[in-house]
Amino acid sequence: MTKPQWWERVLAAVIDGFVLLIPIIIIWVIFGLMLSTSLALNLIVMLFASIIITAGIVAYKVMLESGPRQATVGKMVFGLQ
């Protein structure tokens, strides 16, 4: 097996970014609808949304890289591990 080129890893990361972009936007819109005039409440809502998004990104990486194919969607496109 040959060593992957740097651009393959970069493009794999870009693809993974696009895969994660849709759920991130959906979560921000849902939590954005919960915003109010209270600054403290808005900070709590956005912090909670950020925690959920971070947990989702970590879960995406962990579940796919520890699965049978041992690669995220972007890495699968280029046949990387």
Protein backbone atom coordinates (compact mmCIF):
# COMPACT_ATOMS: atom_id res chain seq x y z
CA MET A 1 0.00 0.00 0.00
CA THR A 2 1.40 3.38 -0.97
CA LYS A 3 1.48 6.30 1.41
CA PRO A 4 -1.45 8.67 0.73
CA GLN A 5 -0.72 12.08 -0.70
CA TRP A 6 -1.30 15.18 1.45
CA TRP A 7 -4.01 16.46 -0.88
CA GLU A 8 -5.99 13.21 -0.51
CA ARG A 9 -6.14 13.71 3.25
CA VAL A 10 -7.10 17.38 2.84
CA LEU A 11 -9.89 16.57 0.38
CA ALA A 12 -11.08 13.73 2.63
CA ALA A 13 -11.34 16.24 5.50
CA VAL A 14 -13.25 18.66 3.25
CA ILE A 15 -15.71 15.90 2.29
CA ASP A 16 -16.17 15.02 5.97
CA GLY A 17 -16.80 18.70 6.64
CA PHE A 18 -19.57 18.80 4.05
CA VAL A 19 -21.08 15.57 5.44
CA LEU A 20 -21.20 17.15 8.90
CA LEU A 21 -22.36 20.57 7.66
CA ILE A 22 -26.01 19.62 7.10
CA PRO A 23 -26.68 18.29 10.64
CA ILE A 24 -24.75 21.24 12.11
CA ILE A 25 -26.91 23.73 10.23
CA ILE A 26 -30.08 21.92 11.28
CA ILE A 27 -29.03 21.98 14.95
CA TRP A 28 -28.12 25.69 14.81
CA VAL A 29 -31.48 26.52 13.19
CA ILE A 30 -33.43 24.52 15.79
CA PHE A 31 -31.58 26.11 18.67
CA GLY A 32 -31.65 29.51 16.95
CA LEU A 33 -35.45 29.37 17.03
CA MET A 34 -35.23 29.06 20.83
CA LEU A 35 -33.46 32.39 21.24
CA SER A 36 -35.11 35.08 23.31
CA THR A 37 -34.39 38.62 24.43
CA SER A 38 -32.50 37.38 27.49
CA LEU A 39 -28.75 37.39 26.89
CA ALA A 40 -28.10 34.83 29.63
CA LEU A 41 -30.67 32.43 28.21
CA ASN A 42 -29.25 32.88 24.71
CA LEU A 43 -25.76 32.03 25.95
CA ILE A 44 -27.04 28.87 27.63
CA VAL A 45 -28.94 27.79 24.50
CA MET A 46 -25.93 28.37 22.23
CA LEU A 47 -23.58 26.63 24.67
CA PHE A 48 -25.90 23.62 24.74
CA ALA A 49 -26.05 23.61 20.92
CA SER A 50 -22.26 23.78 20.72
CA ILE A 51 -21.90 20.85 23.12
CA ILE A 52 -24.35 18.76 21.06
CA ILE A 53 -22.52 19.60 17.81
CA THR A 54 -19.12 18.77 19.32
CA ALA A 55 -20.43 15.45 20.66
CA GLY A 56 -21.87 14.67 17.22
CA ILE A 57 -18.57 15.37 15.45
CA VAL A 58 -16.66 13.20 17.94
CA ALA A 59 -19.25 10.42 17.61
CA TYR A 60 -19.02 10.59 13.78
CA LYS A 61 -15.24 10.17 13.86
CA VAL A 62 -15.20 7.49 16.57
CA MET A 63 -18.02 5.36 15.17
CA LEU A 64 -16.80 5.39 11.57
CA GLU A 65 -13.08 5.01 12.28
CA SER A 66 -13.66 2.15 14.72
CA GLY A 67 -16.18 0.44 12.44
CA PRO A 68 -15.54 -2.34 9.94
CA ARG A 69 -14.20 0.00 7.23
CA GLN A 70 -12.09 2.03 9.69
CA ALA A 71 -12.58 5.24 7.74
CA THR A 72 -14.84 8.27 7.63
CA VAL A 73 -16.87 9.00 4.49
CA GLY A 74 -14.15 11.30 3.14
CA LYS A 75 -11.46 8.70 3.70
CA MET A 76 -13.62 6.01 2.05
CA VAL A 77 -13.84 8.13 -1.11
CA PHE A 78 -10.04 8.02 -1.45
CA GLY A 79 -9.58 4.51 -0.05
CA LEU A 80 -7.67 5.75 3.00
CA GLN A 81 -7.62 4.49 6.57
